[in-house]
N, C-alpha and C. Protein backbone atom coordinates (compact mmCIF):
# COMPACT_ATOMS: atom_id res chain seq x y z
N MET A 1 80.95 123.29 81.73
CA MET A 1 81.81 123.56 80.59
C MET A 1 81.26 123.86 79.29
N LYS A 2 81.62 124.87 78.61
CA LYS A 2 81.01 125.28 77.42
C LYS A 2 81.38 124.25 76.33
N ARG A 3 80.52 123.96 75.54
CA ARG A 3 80.71 122.98 74.60
C ARG A 3 81.77 122.97 73.70
N ARG A 4 82.06 124.37 73.29
CA ARG A 4 83.14 124.71 72.39
C ARG A 4 84.53 124.69 73.02
N ALA A 5 84.52 124.62 74.37
CA ALA A 5 85.75 124.67 75.07
C ALA A 5 86.28 123.26 75.42
N PHE A 6 85.38 122.28 75.11
CA PHE A 6 85.65 120.89 75.56
C PHE A 6 86.98 120.30 75.05
N LEU A 7 87.22 120.78 73.83
CA LEU A 7 88.41 120.28 73.17
C LEU A 7 89.73 120.62 73.79
N GLY A 8 89.83 121.72 74.44
CA GLY A 8 90.95 122.16 75.13
C GLY A 8 90.99 121.70 76.59
N SER A 9 89.88 121.33 77.14
CA SER A 9 89.95 120.73 78.54
C SER A 9 89.78 119.37 78.91
N CYS A 10 89.20 118.51 77.72
CA CYS A 10 88.90 117.20 78.12
C CYS A 10 90.03 116.37 78.48
N SER A 11 91.23 116.80 78.34
CA SER A 11 92.33 115.98 78.79
C SER A 11 92.47 115.99 80.31
N LEU A 12 91.78 116.87 80.82
CA LEU A 12 91.90 116.80 82.41
C LEU A 12 91.03 115.95 83.04
N LEU A 13 90.19 115.14 82.39
CA LEU A 13 89.33 114.18 83.13
C LEU A 13 90.11 113.10 83.59
N ALA A 14 89.87 112.61 84.83
CA ALA A 14 90.55 111.51 85.34
C ALA A 14 89.51 110.52 86.07
N GLY A 15 90.06 109.47 86.74
CA GLY A 15 89.30 108.54 87.48
C GLY A 15 88.82 107.54 86.41
N ILE A 16 89.50 107.23 85.27
CA ILE A 16 88.99 106.25 84.28
C ILE A 16 89.19 104.96 84.83
N ALA A 17 88.24 103.97 84.63
CA ALA A 17 88.38 102.62 85.10
C ALA A 17 89.23 101.95 84.25
N PRO A 18 90.24 101.07 84.69
CA PRO A 18 91.21 100.42 84.02
C PRO A 18 90.45 99.17 83.42
N LEU A 19 89.77 99.43 82.32
CA LEU A 19 89.23 98.18 81.55
C LEU A 19 89.96 97.84 80.31
N ALA A 20 89.76 96.79 79.72
CA ALA A 20 90.36 96.53 78.34
C ALA A 20 89.89 97.31 77.39
N CYS A 21 90.48 97.30 76.20
CA CYS A 21 90.16 97.87 75.13
C CYS A 21 88.93 97.35 74.52
N ALA A 22 88.06 98.09 74.09
CA ALA A 22 86.80 97.75 73.36
C ALA A 22 86.69 98.12 71.98
N GLN A 23 86.63 97.18 71.01
CA GLN A 23 86.54 97.44 69.66
C GLN A 23 85.03 97.50 69.23
N SER A 24 84.72 98.38 68.23
CA SER A 24 83.41 98.44 67.79
C SER A 24 83.00 97.55 66.85
N ALA A 25 84.04 96.94 66.18
CA ALA A 25 83.79 96.08 64.96
C ALA A 25 84.30 94.71 65.05
N ALA A 26 84.19 94.04 66.34
CA ALA A 26 84.78 92.74 66.57
C ALA A 26 84.06 91.67 65.73
N SER A 27 82.76 91.82 65.44
CA SER A 27 82.24 90.85 64.47
C SER A 27 81.99 91.28 63.19
N SER A 28 82.61 92.29 62.78
CA SER A 28 82.45 92.86 61.38
C SER A 28 83.69 92.70 60.63
N GLU A 29 83.56 92.72 59.26
CA GLU A 29 84.73 92.64 58.39
C GLU A 29 85.24 94.13 58.24
N VAL A 30 86.29 94.21 59.14
CA VAL A 30 86.93 95.57 59.02
C VAL A 30 88.05 95.77 57.99
N ARG A 31 88.08 96.73 57.23
CA ARG A 31 89.13 97.01 56.17
C ARG A 31 90.09 97.87 56.98
N SER A 32 91.21 97.36 57.50
CA SER A 32 92.20 98.14 58.24
C SER A 32 92.91 99.22 57.55
N TYR A 33 92.98 100.19 58.31
CA TYR A 33 93.98 101.32 58.04
C TYR A 33 94.87 101.61 59.38
N ALA A 34 95.41 102.76 59.52
CA ALA A 34 96.24 102.91 60.48
C ALA A 34 95.38 103.21 61.84
N ARG A 35 96.00 102.65 62.92
CA ARG A 35 95.20 102.80 64.19
C ARG A 35 95.42 104.35 64.64
N THR A 36 94.58 105.21 64.48
CA THR A 36 94.80 106.57 64.57
C THR A 36 94.06 107.26 65.73
N ARG A 37 94.94 107.95 66.68
CA ARG A 37 94.19 108.47 67.94
C ARG A 37 93.49 109.84 67.53
N LEU A 38 92.26 109.90 68.13
CA LEU A 38 91.38 111.13 67.87
C LEU A 38 91.80 112.13 69.05
N VAL A 39 92.25 113.21 68.61
CA VAL A 39 92.66 114.35 69.45
C VAL A 39 91.94 115.71 69.25
N ASP A 40 92.11 116.64 70.10
CA ASP A 40 91.64 117.96 70.07
C ASP A 40 92.42 118.85 69.15
N ILE A 41 92.25 120.24 68.99
CA ILE A 41 92.98 120.95 68.21
C ILE A 41 94.32 121.35 68.83
N HIS A 42 94.40 120.92 70.13
CA HIS A 42 95.74 121.28 70.85
C HIS A 42 96.69 119.89 70.80
N GLY A 43 96.09 118.83 70.22
CA GLY A 43 96.79 117.59 70.20
C GLY A 43 96.53 116.66 71.34
N SER A 44 95.70 117.04 72.29
CA SER A 44 95.40 116.23 73.48
C SER A 44 94.23 115.21 73.12
N PRO A 45 94.32 114.00 73.60
CA PRO A 45 93.40 113.00 73.52
C PRO A 45 91.96 113.36 73.72
N ILE A 46 90.94 113.02 72.83
CA ILE A 46 89.64 113.22 73.14
C ILE A 46 89.05 112.11 74.08
N ARG A 47 88.49 112.80 75.25
CA ARG A 47 87.91 111.96 76.12
C ARG A 47 86.39 111.53 75.90
N TYR A 48 86.11 110.40 76.01
CA TYR A 48 84.68 109.88 75.80
C TYR A 48 83.68 110.72 76.55
N ALA A 49 83.87 111.07 77.81
CA ALA A 49 82.79 111.84 78.61
C ALA A 49 82.55 113.14 78.12
N ALA A 50 83.73 113.80 77.52
CA ALA A 50 83.67 115.13 77.14
C ALA A 50 82.90 115.38 75.74
N ILE A 51 82.34 114.33 75.05
CA ILE A 51 81.89 114.39 73.84
C ILE A 51 80.32 114.68 74.10
N GLU A 52 79.80 115.69 73.61
CA GLU A 52 78.41 116.15 73.69
C GLU A 52 77.40 115.07 72.99
N GLY A 53 76.17 114.85 73.63
CA GLY A 53 75.38 113.88 72.93
C GLY A 53 74.79 114.63 71.59
N GLU A 54 74.52 113.82 70.76
CA GLU A 54 73.86 114.15 69.49
C GLU A 54 74.26 115.46 68.87
N THR A 55 75.54 115.59 68.79
CA THR A 55 76.22 116.71 68.27
C THR A 55 77.14 116.26 67.17
N ASN A 56 77.14 117.06 66.13
CA ASN A 56 77.86 116.67 64.88
C ASN A 56 79.49 117.04 65.16
N TYR A 57 80.31 115.97 65.01
CA TYR A 57 81.65 116.25 65.13
C TYR A 57 82.34 115.61 63.77
N VAL A 58 83.36 116.25 63.54
CA VAL A 58 83.97 115.86 62.16
C VAL A 58 85.54 115.61 62.35
N PHE A 59 86.06 114.51 61.70
CA PHE A 59 87.54 114.32 61.62
C PHE A 59 87.81 113.74 60.39
N GLN A 60 89.03 113.75 59.96
CA GLN A 60 89.57 113.19 58.79
C GLN A 60 90.23 111.83 58.83
N TYR A 61 89.55 110.67 58.08
CA TYR A 61 89.97 109.50 58.11
C TYR A 61 89.42 108.59 57.04
N PRO A 62 90.04 107.67 56.29
CA PRO A 62 91.51 107.37 56.53
C PRO A 62 92.39 108.16 55.75
N PHE A 63 92.02 109.08 54.79
CA PHE A 63 92.93 109.93 54.16
C PHE A 63 92.77 111.39 54.54
N ALA A 64 93.73 112.29 54.51
CA ALA A 64 93.68 113.54 54.70
C ALA A 64 92.60 114.42 54.35
N ALA A 65 91.94 113.97 53.18
CA ALA A 65 90.77 114.81 52.67
C ALA A 65 89.41 114.20 52.74
N THR A 66 89.40 112.95 53.56
CA THR A 66 88.13 112.32 53.47
C THR A 66 87.50 112.67 55.12
N PRO A 67 86.23 113.28 55.19
CA PRO A 67 85.71 113.58 56.47
C PRO A 67 84.89 112.55 56.99
N CYS A 68 84.80 112.41 58.33
CA CYS A 68 84.08 111.47 58.87
C CYS A 68 83.12 112.21 60.07
N PHE A 69 81.99 111.50 60.47
CA PHE A 69 81.25 112.03 61.46
C PHE A 69 81.57 111.24 62.63
N LEU A 70 81.62 111.86 63.86
CA LEU A 70 81.63 111.22 65.25
C LEU A 70 80.52 111.58 65.92
N LEU A 71 79.61 110.58 66.39
CA LEU A 71 78.30 110.88 66.94
C LEU A 71 78.19 110.20 68.29
N ARG A 72 77.71 110.88 69.24
CA ARG A 72 77.34 110.21 70.41
C ARG A 72 75.82 110.19 70.54
N LEU A 73 75.23 109.03 70.23
CA LEU A 73 73.74 108.97 70.30
C LEU A 73 73.14 108.95 71.67
N ALA A 74 71.74 108.87 71.59
CA ALA A 74 71.05 108.98 72.78
C ALA A 74 70.94 107.65 73.58
N ALA A 75 71.10 106.55 72.95
CA ALA A 75 71.03 105.18 73.24
C ALA A 75 72.11 104.28 72.88
N ALA A 76 72.36 103.15 73.52
CA ALA A 76 73.40 102.37 72.97
C ALA A 76 73.04 101.86 71.56
N VAL A 77 74.08 101.49 70.81
CA VAL A 77 73.87 101.01 69.38
C VAL A 77 74.36 99.66 69.33
N LYS A 78 73.62 98.84 69.03
CA LYS A 78 73.93 97.47 68.67
C LYS A 78 74.26 97.23 67.26
N PRO A 79 75.10 96.25 66.99
CA PRO A 79 75.64 95.83 65.59
C PRO A 79 74.36 95.71 64.88
N ALA A 80 74.57 96.00 63.47
CA ALA A 80 73.40 95.96 62.68
C ALA A 80 73.78 94.96 61.56
N SER A 81 72.97 93.87 61.43
CA SER A 81 73.24 92.67 60.65
C SER A 81 72.52 92.92 59.28
N SER A 82 72.75 92.12 58.29
CA SER A 82 72.25 92.08 56.94
C SER A 82 72.30 93.55 56.28
N MET A 83 73.61 94.17 56.43
CA MET A 83 73.49 95.44 55.81
C MET A 83 73.84 95.22 54.47
N ARG A 84 73.20 95.90 53.35
CA ARG A 84 73.49 95.60 51.96
C ARG A 84 74.11 96.85 51.24
N ARG A 85 75.24 96.66 50.41
CA ARG A 85 75.88 97.51 49.73
C ARG A 85 75.38 97.43 48.23
N GLU A 86 75.69 98.25 47.43
CA GLU A 86 75.19 98.31 46.03
C GLU A 86 75.93 97.17 45.31
N GLN A 87 77.25 96.75 45.57
CA GLN A 87 77.83 95.54 45.05
C GLN A 87 78.58 94.88 46.20
N GLY A 88 78.59 93.63 46.25
CA GLY A 88 79.14 92.62 47.26
C GLY A 88 78.07 92.22 48.20
N PRO A 89 78.59 91.22 49.07
CA PRO A 89 77.82 90.70 50.06
C PRO A 89 77.44 91.36 51.19
N PRO A 90 76.31 90.95 51.94
CA PRO A 90 75.99 91.68 53.07
C PRO A 90 76.96 91.92 54.05
N TYR A 91 76.84 92.72 55.09
CA TYR A 91 77.85 92.80 56.23
C TYR A 91 77.31 93.17 57.37
N VAL A 92 78.07 93.15 58.55
CA VAL A 92 77.42 93.56 59.75
C VAL A 92 78.00 94.88 60.03
N ALA A 93 77.36 95.92 60.49
CA ALA A 93 77.76 97.18 60.86
C ALA A 93 78.15 97.17 62.35
N PRO A 94 79.21 97.86 62.90
CA PRO A 94 79.57 97.62 64.21
C PRO A 94 78.73 98.35 65.17
N GLY A 95 78.72 97.96 66.24
CA GLY A 95 77.96 98.74 67.27
C GLY A 95 78.53 99.90 67.94
N GLY A 96 78.05 100.62 68.95
CA GLY A 96 78.70 101.65 69.59
C GLY A 96 79.82 101.20 70.42
N ILE A 97 80.64 102.20 71.02
CA ILE A 97 81.70 101.87 71.77
C ILE A 97 81.62 102.84 73.08
N GLY A 98 82.38 102.66 74.03
CA GLY A 98 82.38 103.50 75.20
C GLY A 98 81.56 102.79 76.19
N PRO A 99 81.61 103.45 77.43
CA PRO A 99 80.81 102.74 78.61
C PRO A 99 79.39 102.60 78.33
N LYS A 100 78.81 103.40 77.54
CA LYS A 100 77.37 103.34 77.25
C LYS A 100 77.10 102.79 75.91
N ARG A 101 78.21 102.45 75.17
CA ARG A 101 78.07 101.78 73.82
C ARG A 101 77.33 102.72 72.84
N ASP A 102 77.42 104.07 72.98
CA ASP A 102 76.69 104.97 72.19
C ASP A 102 77.43 105.80 71.22
N LEU A 103 78.67 105.55 71.17
CA LEU A 103 79.66 106.35 70.34
C LEU A 103 79.84 105.65 68.94
N VAL A 104 79.54 106.31 67.75
CA VAL A 104 79.72 105.72 66.47
C VAL A 104 80.34 106.63 65.55
N ALA A 105 80.89 106.07 64.33
CA ALA A 105 81.46 106.96 63.44
C ALA A 105 81.22 106.63 62.09
N PHE A 106 80.82 107.53 61.07
CA PHE A 106 80.61 107.13 59.62
C PHE A 106 81.43 108.04 58.76
N SER A 107 81.68 107.39 57.50
CA SER A 107 82.09 108.38 56.47
C SER A 107 81.09 109.57 56.25
N ALA A 108 81.51 110.78 56.08
CA ALA A 108 80.64 111.81 55.90
C ALA A 108 80.36 112.06 54.24
N ILE A 109 80.79 111.22 53.56
CA ILE A 109 80.63 111.27 52.15
C ILE A 109 79.33 110.53 51.62
N CYS A 110 78.36 111.32 51.27
CA CYS A 110 77.01 110.79 50.90
C CYS A 110 77.16 109.67 49.88
N ALA A 111 76.53 108.62 50.02
CA ALA A 111 76.66 107.52 48.96
C ALA A 111 75.81 107.73 47.60
N HIS A 112 75.07 108.79 47.49
CA HIS A 112 74.52 109.08 46.23
C HIS A 112 75.33 109.89 45.40
N LYS A 113 75.58 111.17 45.55
CA LYS A 113 76.44 111.95 44.66
C LYS A 113 77.60 112.53 45.28
N LEU A 114 78.02 111.96 46.46
CA LEU A 114 79.34 112.12 47.11
C LEU A 114 79.33 113.56 47.76
N ALA A 115 78.09 114.07 48.08
CA ALA A 115 78.13 115.41 48.88
C ALA A 115 78.86 115.02 50.23
N TYR A 116 79.79 116.19 50.68
CA TYR A 116 80.47 116.13 52.00
C TYR A 116 80.78 117.35 52.65
N PRO A 117 81.03 117.44 53.79
CA PRO A 117 81.20 118.70 54.50
C PRO A 117 82.70 119.19 53.97
N THR A 118 82.64 120.53 53.49
CA THR A 118 83.64 121.23 53.13
C THR A 118 84.01 122.38 53.99
N ARG A 119 85.04 123.12 53.89
CA ARG A 119 85.21 124.33 54.78
C ARG A 119 84.27 125.45 54.69
N ASP A 120 83.69 125.60 53.35
CA ASP A 120 82.55 126.48 53.05
C ASP A 120 81.22 126.09 53.59
N VAL A 121 80.88 124.85 53.29
CA VAL A 121 79.64 124.40 53.50
C VAL A 121 79.41 122.92 53.56
N SER A 122 78.35 122.52 54.34
CA SER A 122 77.88 121.06 54.42
C SER A 122 76.33 120.88 54.18
N PHE A 123 76.32 120.13 53.26
CA PHE A 123 74.86 119.61 52.92
C PHE A 123 74.48 118.45 53.75
N ILE A 124 75.34 117.69 54.40
CA ILE A 124 75.08 116.53 54.98
C ILE A 124 75.44 116.77 56.56
N ARG A 125 74.45 116.24 57.53
CA ARG A 125 74.68 116.34 58.80
C ARG A 125 73.69 115.40 59.60
N TYR A 126 74.14 115.28 60.88
CA TYR A 126 73.18 114.44 61.75
C TYR A 126 72.11 115.59 62.25
N GLN A 127 70.89 115.17 62.17
CA GLN A 127 69.81 116.13 62.78
C GLN A 127 68.95 115.42 63.89
N ARG A 128 68.95 115.96 64.93
CA ARG A 128 68.17 115.38 66.10
C ARG A 128 66.60 115.55 65.96
N LYS A 129 66.29 116.72 65.52
CA LYS A 129 64.82 116.85 65.40
C LYS A 129 64.24 116.70 64.04
N ARG A 130 63.02 116.33 63.99
CA ARG A 130 62.34 116.10 62.76
C ARG A 130 62.15 117.40 62.00
N SER A 131 62.19 117.25 60.66
CA SER A 131 62.10 118.44 59.75
C SER A 131 61.09 118.25 58.85
N ALA A 132 60.82 119.12 57.97
CA ALA A 132 59.71 119.08 56.97
C ALA A 132 60.12 117.94 55.88
N THR A 133 61.33 117.47 55.89
CA THR A 133 61.66 116.64 54.69
C THR A 133 62.04 115.22 55.35
N SER A 134 62.29 115.10 56.62
CA SER A 134 62.65 113.81 57.24
C SER A 134 62.46 113.65 58.70
N SER A 135 62.57 112.54 59.18
CA SER A 135 62.42 112.34 60.63
C SER A 135 63.53 112.81 61.27
N GLY A 136 63.58 112.76 62.72
CA GLY A 136 64.65 113.01 63.50
C GLY A 136 65.50 111.96 63.76
N ASN A 137 66.72 112.24 64.42
CA ASN A 137 67.74 111.19 64.63
C ASN A 137 68.35 110.49 63.58
N VAL A 138 68.60 111.23 62.54
CA VAL A 138 68.98 110.69 61.16
C VAL A 138 70.25 111.57 60.82
N ILE A 139 70.91 110.91 59.89
CA ILE A 139 71.91 111.72 59.09
C ILE A 139 71.33 111.96 57.71
N HIS A 140 71.02 113.38 57.38
CA HIS A 140 70.30 113.77 56.23
C HIS A 140 71.28 114.66 55.30
N CYS A 141 71.11 114.11 54.19
CA CYS A 141 71.91 114.97 53.14
C CYS A 141 70.91 115.85 52.18
N CYS A 142 71.13 117.06 52.49
CA CYS A 142 70.13 118.02 51.77
C CYS A 142 70.33 118.11 50.30
N ALA A 143 71.54 117.67 49.85
CA ALA A 143 71.76 117.83 48.45
C ALA A 143 70.87 117.05 47.64
N ASP A 144 70.49 115.75 48.06
CA ASP A 144 69.52 114.81 47.34
C ASP A 144 68.53 114.13 48.16
N HIS A 145 68.41 114.64 49.56
CA HIS A 145 67.54 114.09 50.47
C HIS A 145 67.74 112.49 50.69
N SER A 146 68.91 112.00 50.64
CA SER A 146 69.20 110.80 51.27
C SER A 146 69.29 110.80 52.70
N VAL A 147 68.61 109.81 53.30
CA VAL A 147 68.57 109.84 54.91
C VAL A 147 69.03 108.41 55.24
N TYR A 148 69.88 108.54 56.37
CA TYR A 148 70.56 107.35 56.82
C TYR A 148 70.26 107.20 58.46
N ASP A 149 70.22 106.17 59.03
CA ASP A 149 69.89 105.76 60.26
C ASP A 149 71.28 105.56 61.13
N PRO A 150 71.78 106.36 61.83
CA PRO A 150 73.06 106.09 62.44
C PRO A 150 73.00 105.19 63.57
N ALA A 151 71.84 104.78 64.09
CA ALA A 151 71.63 103.88 65.18
C ALA A 151 71.59 102.43 64.49
N ALA A 152 71.53 102.28 63.18
CA ALA A 152 71.56 100.99 62.48
C ALA A 152 72.45 100.96 61.38
N GLY A 153 73.71 101.31 61.72
CA GLY A 153 74.83 101.17 60.78
C GLY A 153 74.78 102.17 59.57
N ALA A 154 74.10 103.20 59.80
CA ALA A 154 73.83 104.23 58.74
C ALA A 154 73.14 103.60 57.57
N ARG A 155 72.18 102.81 57.82
CA ARG A 155 71.27 102.09 56.93
C ARG A 155 70.49 103.28 56.18
N VAL A 156 70.24 103.09 54.90
CA VAL A 156 69.38 104.12 54.01
C VAL A 156 67.96 103.95 54.45
N VAL A 157 67.28 105.06 55.02
CA VAL A 157 65.89 104.97 55.38
C VAL A 157 64.95 105.79 54.41
N ALA A 158 65.59 106.66 53.58
CA ALA A 158 64.82 107.46 52.54
C ALA A 158 65.91 108.01 51.54
N GLY A 159 65.20 108.47 50.38
CA GLY A 159 66.13 108.97 49.43
C GLY A 159 66.74 108.05 48.40
N PRO A 160 67.55 108.69 47.59
CA PRO A 160 68.08 107.79 46.24
C PRO A 160 69.30 107.19 46.66
N ALA A 161 69.98 107.29 47.88
CA ALA A 161 71.29 106.57 48.17
C ALA A 161 71.07 105.19 47.86
N PRO A 162 72.10 104.59 47.07
CA PRO A 162 72.03 103.16 46.93
C PRO A 162 72.49 102.13 47.87
N GLN A 163 73.20 102.63 48.93
CA GLN A 163 73.79 101.98 50.07
C GLN A 163 74.14 102.74 51.29
N PRO A 164 74.34 102.21 52.35
CA PRO A 164 74.64 103.00 53.54
C PRO A 164 75.91 103.77 53.56
N LEU A 165 76.24 104.69 54.46
CA LEU A 165 77.59 105.31 54.71
C LEU A 165 78.48 104.27 55.02
N ALA A 166 79.67 104.36 54.68
CA ALA A 166 80.69 103.45 55.34
C ALA A 166 80.82 103.71 56.78
N CYS A 167 80.87 102.73 57.61
CA CYS A 167 81.11 102.67 58.97
C CYS A 167 82.68 102.89 59.26
N ILE A 168 83.01 103.84 60.28
CA ILE A 168 84.35 103.77 60.68
C ILE A 168 84.47 103.03 61.96
N ALA A 169 85.45 102.05 61.84
CA ALA A 169 85.61 101.16 63.15
C ALA A 169 86.24 101.89 64.19
N LEU A 170 85.65 101.98 65.40
CA LEU A 170 86.40 102.79 66.39
C LEU A 170 86.90 101.79 67.55
N GLU A 171 87.76 102.25 68.31
CA GLU A 171 88.32 101.53 69.38
C GLU A 171 88.45 102.45 70.70
N HIS A 172 87.98 102.00 71.78
CA HIS A 172 88.12 102.77 73.15
C HIS A 172 88.91 101.98 74.10
N ASP A 173 90.06 102.92 74.43
CA ASP A 173 91.13 102.21 75.25
C ASP A 173 90.61 102.92 76.56
N ALA A 174 89.88 102.00 77.34
CA ALA A 174 89.20 102.30 78.59
C ALA A 174 90.29 102.53 79.80
N SER A 175 91.41 102.03 79.72
CA SER A 175 92.42 102.17 80.73
C SER A 175 93.02 103.54 80.68
N ARG A 176 92.93 104.15 79.45
CA ARG A 176 93.54 105.51 79.23
C ARG A 176 92.46 106.54 78.79
N ASP A 177 91.25 106.01 78.58
CA ASP A 177 90.25 106.83 78.06
C ASP A 177 90.71 107.52 76.69
N GLU A 178 91.19 106.72 75.76
CA GLU A 178 91.40 107.23 74.46
C GLU A 178 90.75 106.64 73.33
N LEU A 179 90.43 107.38 72.33
CA LEU A 179 89.71 106.92 71.29
C LEU A 179 90.50 106.72 69.93
N TYR A 180 90.23 105.70 69.15
CA TYR A 180 91.09 105.44 67.96
C TYR A 180 90.17 105.02 66.76
N ALA A 181 90.53 105.61 65.65
CA ALA A 181 89.79 104.87 64.37
C ALA A 181 90.82 103.89 63.95
N THR A 182 90.21 102.87 63.48
CA THR A 182 91.13 101.67 63.05
C THR A 182 90.84 101.22 61.62
N GLY A 183 89.81 101.45 61.02
CA GLY A 183 89.45 101.04 59.73
C GLY A 183 88.00 101.36 59.15
N THR A 184 87.55 100.74 58.17
CA THR A 184 86.22 100.96 57.74
C THR A 184 85.57 99.62 57.55
N VAL A 185 84.22 99.68 57.63
CA VAL A 185 83.16 98.66 57.30
C VAL A 185 82.25 99.08 56.47
N GLY A 186 82.01 98.13 55.40
CA GLY A 186 80.85 98.56 54.35
C GLY A 186 81.55 99.20 53.21
N ALA A 187 80.68 99.75 52.27
CA ALA A 187 81.20 100.18 50.95
C ALA A 187 81.86 101.56 51.15
N GLU A 188 83.13 101.70 50.77
CA GLU A 188 83.70 102.89 50.66
C GLU A 188 83.38 103.78 49.57
N GLN A 189 83.53 105.01 49.51
CA GLN A 189 83.32 105.92 48.39
C GLN A 189 84.52 106.77 48.15
N PHE A 190 85.73 106.26 48.55
CA PHE A 190 86.92 107.14 48.51
C PHE A 190 87.44 107.38 47.15
N GLU A 191 87.57 106.35 46.36
CA GLU A 191 88.22 106.48 45.12
C GLU A 191 87.25 107.22 44.09
N PRO A 192 85.79 106.96 44.06
CA PRO A 192 85.06 107.93 43.39
C PRO A 192 85.21 109.41 43.79
N PHE A 193 85.35 109.51 45.16
CA PHE A 193 85.37 110.94 45.74
C PHE A 193 86.50 111.65 45.26
N PHE A 194 87.81 110.97 45.30
CA PHE A 194 88.99 111.60 44.74
C PHE A 194 88.92 111.84 43.24
N GLU A 195 88.29 111.03 42.58
CA GLU A 195 88.15 111.28 41.12
C GLU A 195 87.23 112.39 40.81
N LYS A 196 86.06 112.42 41.51
CA LYS A 196 85.17 113.56 41.25
C LYS A 196 85.62 114.89 41.73
N TYR A 197 86.38 115.03 42.77
CA TYR A 197 86.77 116.23 43.29
C TYR A 197 88.29 116.51 43.09
N ALA A 198 88.92 115.85 42.13
CA ALA A 198 90.38 115.93 41.95
C ALA A 198 90.81 117.39 41.91
N MET A 199 90.17 118.44 41.21
CA MET A 199 90.68 119.59 40.92
C MET A 199 90.40 120.43 42.25
N LYS A 200 89.26 120.32 42.82
CA LYS A 200 89.08 121.04 43.99
C LYS A 200 90.05 120.81 45.18
N LEU A 201 90.21 119.35 45.29
CA LEU A 201 91.12 118.91 46.33
C LEU A 201 92.67 119.24 46.07
N THR A 202 92.96 119.22 44.76
CA THR A 202 94.34 119.80 44.36
C THR A 202 94.64 121.25 44.82
N LEU A 203 93.44 122.06 44.56
CA LEU A 203 93.76 123.45 45.03
C LEU A 203 93.78 123.59 46.55
N GLU A 204 92.97 122.84 47.27
CA GLU A 204 92.75 122.96 48.61
C GLU A 204 94.05 122.47 49.43
N TYR A 205 94.61 121.30 48.87
CA TYR A 205 95.77 120.69 49.59
C TYR A 205 97.00 120.85 48.92
N GLY A 206 97.13 121.55 47.71
CA GLY A 206 98.36 121.76 47.06
C GLY A 206 98.64 120.66 46.01
N SER A 207 98.12 119.41 46.06
CA SER A 207 98.24 118.39 45.19
C SER A 207 97.19 117.42 45.58
N LEU A 208 96.78 116.52 44.66
CA LEU A 208 95.95 115.47 44.98
C LEU A 208 96.59 114.30 45.71
N ALA A 209 97.95 114.16 45.65
CA ALA A 209 98.61 113.28 46.40
C ALA A 209 98.65 113.60 47.95
N ARG A 210 98.66 114.84 48.29
CA ARG A 210 98.54 115.20 49.51
C ARG A 210 97.06 114.99 50.12
N ALA A 211 96.19 115.24 49.40
CA ALA A 211 94.73 114.94 49.82
C ALA A 211 94.64 113.53 49.95
N HIS A 212 95.35 112.73 49.30
CA HIS A 212 95.27 111.23 49.33
C HIS A 212 96.05 110.62 50.46
N THR A 213 96.77 111.36 51.16
CA THR A 213 97.61 110.79 52.11
C THR A 213 96.95 110.20 53.19
N LEU A 214 97.49 109.01 53.69
CA LEU A 214 96.80 108.40 54.77
C LEU A 214 97.01 108.98 56.01
N VAL A 215 95.97 109.16 56.80
CA VAL A 215 96.08 109.51 58.19
C VAL A 215 96.70 108.48 59.10
N THR A 216 97.69 108.88 59.95
CA THR A 216 98.40 107.86 60.76
C THR A 216 98.23 108.16 62.08
N ASP A 217 99.12 108.84 62.72
CA ASP A 217 99.19 108.93 64.21
C ASP A 217 97.97 109.57 64.93
N THR A 218 97.60 110.70 64.45
CA THR A 218 96.38 111.42 65.06
C THR A 218 95.50 112.12 63.95
N THR A 219 94.30 112.41 64.41
CA THR A 219 93.51 113.23 63.56
C THR A 219 92.58 113.99 64.56
N VAL A 220 92.38 115.36 64.06
CA VAL A 220 91.71 116.41 65.00
C VAL A 220 90.24 116.26 64.66
N VAL A 221 89.55 116.29 65.88
CA VAL A 221 88.18 116.22 65.87
C VAL A 221 87.73 117.69 66.26
N ARG A 222 86.73 118.17 65.49
CA ARG A 222 86.03 119.48 65.53
C ARG A 222 84.47 119.37 65.56
N GLU A 223 83.90 120.27 66.08
CA GLU A 223 82.36 120.37 65.83
C GLU A 223 82.16 120.83 64.43
N LEU A 224 81.14 120.31 63.81
CA LEU A 224 80.89 120.65 62.36
C LEU A 224 80.65 122.16 62.19
N THR A 225 80.01 122.83 63.21
CA THR A 225 79.84 124.22 63.19
C THR A 225 81.20 125.09 63.11
N GLU A 226 82.16 124.44 63.69
CA GLU A 226 83.58 125.07 63.64
C GLU A 226 84.35 124.55 62.47
N TYR A 227 84.06 123.44 61.95
CA TYR A 227 84.80 122.96 60.78
C TYR A 227 84.42 123.54 59.44
N CYS A 228 83.07 123.87 59.27
CA CYS A 228 82.67 124.70 58.11
C CYS A 228 81.82 125.96 58.40
N ARG A 229 81.76 126.86 57.32
CA ARG A 229 81.12 127.99 57.64
C ARG A 229 79.67 128.12 57.68
N ASN A 230 79.04 127.27 56.87
CA ASN A 230 77.62 127.03 56.72
C ASN A 230 77.05 125.71 56.70
N THR A 231 76.13 125.21 57.49
CA THR A 231 75.57 124.07 57.41
C THR A 231 74.09 124.11 57.01
N ILE A 232 73.92 123.38 55.89
CA ILE A 232 72.53 123.60 55.16
C ILE A 232 71.47 122.66 56.04
N GLN A 233 70.38 123.26 56.37
CA GLN A 233 69.38 122.53 56.99
C GLN A 233 68.20 122.51 56.17
N CYS A 234 67.42 121.26 56.08
CA CYS A 234 66.37 121.02 55.17
C CYS A 234 65.28 120.27 55.85
C-alpha cells in the first residue's frame, strides 16, 4: 500500500483484538480538552497499523489553528519523569500508546519563538537521520535550532528552547482500533501563539475567533509533506 494512500484505505483493516482502551497519560497531569477522534481526509478513523513509522503526520488540536505532530517511533516510549517547564512544577510526560506503545503526539509549536508548520512552509519537523546540525531521531526546529527528543517527552536536547514541547495525550480504543486526542501535558504555548500570529491567523481563518475554535468531534491527520508546500531541512 502506498504511504499516501493509507488515509483512504486504513478503515478496511480488520481483526482488531477486543482490548480495553489504553490511555497514554494515566500517570500524568492531563489538561483535558474534547475527546477528539483522529480521522483521514475522508472522515474515516485512522488505524494504528496504517501509520507509517518515523513519518511526520500533522493534525489540529486542541484548537482549529494549533498543529500537532503524530509520530510512530522505532521503539516503545516510556513515560518520562522530571520534565521541567519554564514556569511551574516538574511533570511526567506520557508514554506511547498502541500495541507496541510507540505512538506519541506533541504540539508542533516550537517552545522558543513559536515557529510552526503552516500551509506554505514548516521549519520544524521530526528527522530520522543525523544532519550537519543535530543528531537523528529528534524533532528539530530549523528556525532557531531547538532540538527535542520525542522518545523522552519532547525534552530539549539542544538549542535555545526553554522547555519541552507540550505533549498531546492520546488514547487508543483497541476494541475499535480508533485513536483519540484527549488533552495536553506540560507547558502550552497556545495563548502566546494566538497573540503573535493574530493577523496571519485572522487572514487564514476569516477571524481570530475561528482560529481559536476548539476542535471537538474529529480532526484530520495528514502527512506533513501533504499539509505544507515546503519543509525546511537543516
